[in-house]
Amino acid sequence: MRDVLIVLLVIALALMVVGLVNHDVALDVDYLFGTWHDTSLLVLCSLAAALVIIVGVVAALMTRLAMSGDRRKLEAELSSTYVRLRELESQLPGDEKATPAGTSAEPPPEALAADGAAAASADPGADEVPPQNDDGQEAAAD
């Protein structure tokens, strides 16, 4: 909401600057029920700036209300889905339930690190980087 207000205020400020720069310009404004004679451009820009701020704030509030309604609907749907999921999990036999987080079929990371160290010790030259020239090319073996 703060960002919306900042943008609206910048637009209103730009309108006011246009009105201040051209404040000596007088216009006749014809509208549905009559005419304003010799109306300053500053007055018109002030009205436009106020209209921009009011319409922008109303639109932002309406959007926020719609988003909160959608959020409540989504949270209710998620809650009901969670309840159904737990009911289905309780109906599963004990041996088919999902394994806890630490007991997967993959070996633990410590075992993988030990296997990698054993493989590296078996082939000591495998991780060696070949010598390079100054320009980054591999040096030719003499």
Protein backbone atom coordinates (compact mmCIF):
# COMPACT_ATOMS: atom_id res chain seq x y z
CA MET A 1 0.00 0.00 0.00
CA ARG A 2 2.91 2.28 0.76
CA ASP A 3 4.29 1.84 -2.75
CA VAL A 4 0.92 2.68 -4.27
CA LEU A 5 0.72 5.87 -2.22
CA ILE A 6 4.22 6.87 -3.25
CA VAL A 7 3.39 6.43 -6.95
CA LEU A 8 0.13 8.34 -6.57
CA LEU A 9 1.85 11.20 -4.78
CA VAL A 10 4.54 11.41 -7.48
CA ILE A 11 1.87 11.61 -10.17
CA ALA A 12 -0.05 14.24 -8.20
CA LEU A 13 3.14 16.22 -7.65
CA ALA A 14 3.89 16.14 -11.37
CA LEU A 15 0.39 17.43 -12.10
CA MET A 16 0.82 20.21 -9.54
CA VAL A 17 4.16 21.24 -11.05
CA VAL A 18 2.49 21.53 -14.47
CA GLY A 19 -0.23 23.66 -12.87
CA LEU A 20 2.27 25.87 -11.05
CA VAL A 21 4.38 26.45 -14.14
CA ASN A 22 1.30 27.44 -16.16
CA HIS A 23 -0.73 29.12 -13.40
CA ASP A 24 -1.32 32.28 -15.44
CA VAL A 25 -3.10 30.35 -18.24
CA ALA A 26 -6.88 30.78 -18.02
CA LEU A 27 -9.28 28.41 -19.74
CA ASP A 28 -13.02 28.10 -20.24
CA VAL A 29 -14.09 24.63 -19.24
CA ASP A 30 -17.35 23.34 -20.74
CA TYR A 31 -18.94 20.45 -18.91
CA LEU A 32 -22.33 18.78 -18.93
CA PHE A 33 -24.20 21.31 -16.78
CA GLY A 34 -22.42 24.56 -17.56
CA THR A 35 -19.14 26.36 -18.15
CA TRP A 36 -16.34 27.58 -15.91
CA HIS A 37 -15.04 30.87 -17.26
CA ASP A 38 -11.42 31.97 -16.87
CA THR A 39 -10.37 28.94 -14.83
CA SER A 40 -6.69 28.80 -13.95
CA LEU A 41 -4.71 25.79 -15.08
CA LEU A 42 -3.46 25.49 -11.49
CA VAL A 43 -7.03 24.86 -10.29
CA LEU A 44 -7.61 22.27 -12.99
CA CYS A 45 -4.35 20.48 -12.20
CA SER A 46 -5.18 20.54 -8.49
CA LEU A 47 -8.54 18.92 -9.19
CA ALA A 48 -6.90 16.31 -11.44
CA ALA A 49 -4.27 15.53 -8.78
CA ALA A 50 -6.94 15.11 -6.09
CA LEU A 51 -8.94 12.87 -8.41
CA VAL A 52 -5.88 10.72 -9.19
CA ILE A 53 -5.12 10.25 -5.48
CA ILE A 54 -8.72 9.44 -4.54
CA VAL A 55 -9.27 6.98 -7.38
CA GLY A 56 -5.88 5.36 -6.80
CA VAL A 57 -6.44 4.85 -3.06
CA VAL A 58 -9.93 3.41 -3.65
CA ALA A 59 -8.57 1.04 -6.31
CA ALA A 60 -5.74 -0.07 -4.02
CA LEU A 61 -8.14 -0.71 -1.14
CA MET A 62 -10.49 -2.70 -3.37
CA THR A 63 -7.58 -4.78 -4.63
CA ARG A 64 -6.39 -5.42 -1.08
CA LEU A 65 -9.89 -6.55 -0.04
CA ALA A 66 -10.10 -8.90 -3.02
CA MET A 67 -6.67 -10.34 -2.25
CA SER A 68 -7.55 -10.96 1.40
CA GLY A 69 -10.76 -12.75 0.34
CA ASP A 70 -8.80 -14.93 -2.09
CA ARG A 71 -6.24 -15.66 0.62
CA ARG A 72 -8.95 -16.77 3.06
CA LYS A 73 -10.42 -19.09 0.41
CA LEU A 74 -7.01 -20.56 -0.35
CA GLU A 75 -6.21 -21.09 3.33
CA ALA A 76 -9.56 -22.85 3.87
CA GLU A 77 -8.95 -25.10 0.87
CA LEU A 78 -5.43 -25.88 2.05
CA SER A 79 -6.67 -26.70 5.54
CA SER A 80 -9.33 -29.08 4.23
CA THR A 81 -6.78 -30.73 1.92
CA TYR A 82 -4.41 -31.19 4.86
CA VAL A 83 -7.17 -32.85 6.92
CA ARG A 84 -8.03 -35.21 4.03
CA LEU A 85 -4.35 -36.05 3.56
CA ARG A 86 -3.95 -36.96 7.24
CA GLU A 87 -7.10 -39.12 7.09
CA LEU A 88 -5.74 -40.99 4.06
CA GLU A 89 -2.36 -41.47 5.73
CA SER A 90 -4.03 -42.93 8.81
CA GLN A 91 -5.79 -45.50 6.61
CA LEU A 92 -2.52 -46.80 5.16
CA PRO A 93 -1.09 -49.99 6.68
CA GLY A 94 1.88 -49.43 9.03
CA ASP A 95 4.61 -50.80 6.70
CA GLU A 96 3.55 -48.68 3.69
CA LYS A 97 3.72 -45.33 5.46
CA ALA A 98 6.30 -42.86 4.21
CA THR A 99 9.72 -43.22 5.80
CA PRO A 100 10.81 -40.48 8.20
CA ALA A 101 13.16 -37.81 6.90
CA GLY A 102 16.42 -39.37 8.10
CA THR A 103 15.76 -43.00 7.01
CA SER A 104 15.73 -42.88 3.24
CA ALA A 105 17.10 -45.60 0.96
CA GLU A 106 20.07 -43.41 0.00
CA PRO A 107 23.31 -43.78 1.95
CA PRO A 108 24.12 -40.97 4.38
CA PRO A 109 26.38 -38.15 3.12
CA GLU A 110 29.23 -39.34 5.38
CA ALA A 111 29.34 -42.66 3.54
CA LEU A 112 29.43 -40.89 0.19
CA ALA A 113 32.31 -38.69 1.37
CA ALA A 114 34.23 -41.74 2.59
CA ASP A 115 33.68 -43.50 -0.78
CA GLY A 116 34.92 -40.40 -2.60
CA ALA A 117 38.06 -40.25 -0.43
CA ALA A 118 38.75 -43.93 -1.08
CA ALA A 119 38.38 -43.41 -4.84
CA ALA A 120 40.70 -40.41 -4.74
CA SER A 121 43.37 -42.34 -2.84
CA ALA A 122 43.18 -45.18 -5.39
CA ASP A 123 43.99 -42.85 -8.32
CA PRO A 124 46.27 -40.07 -7.02
CA GLY A 125 46.81 -38.39 -10.42
CA ALA A 126 43.14 -38.13 -11.35
CA ASP A 127 42.57 -34.73 -9.72
CA GLU A 128 45.85 -33.22 -10.91
CA VAL A 129 45.62 -30.16 -13.18
CA PRO A 130 47.97 -30.21 -16.20
CA PRO A 131 50.53 -27.40 -16.39
CA GLN A 132 49.50 -24.36 -18.45
CA ASN A 133 51.27 -21.60 -20.37
CA ASP A 134 50.89 -17.90 -19.61
CA ASP A 135 47.98 -17.62 -22.09
CA GLY A 136 45.98 -20.43 -20.42
CA GLN A 137 46.88 -23.15 -22.99
CA GLU A 138 48.05 -26.57 -21.86
CA ALA A 139 51.80 -26.86 -21.93
CA ALA A 140 53.15 -29.42 -24.35
CA ALA A 141 54.73 -32.46 -22.73
CA ASP A 142 58.45 -32.62 -23.50
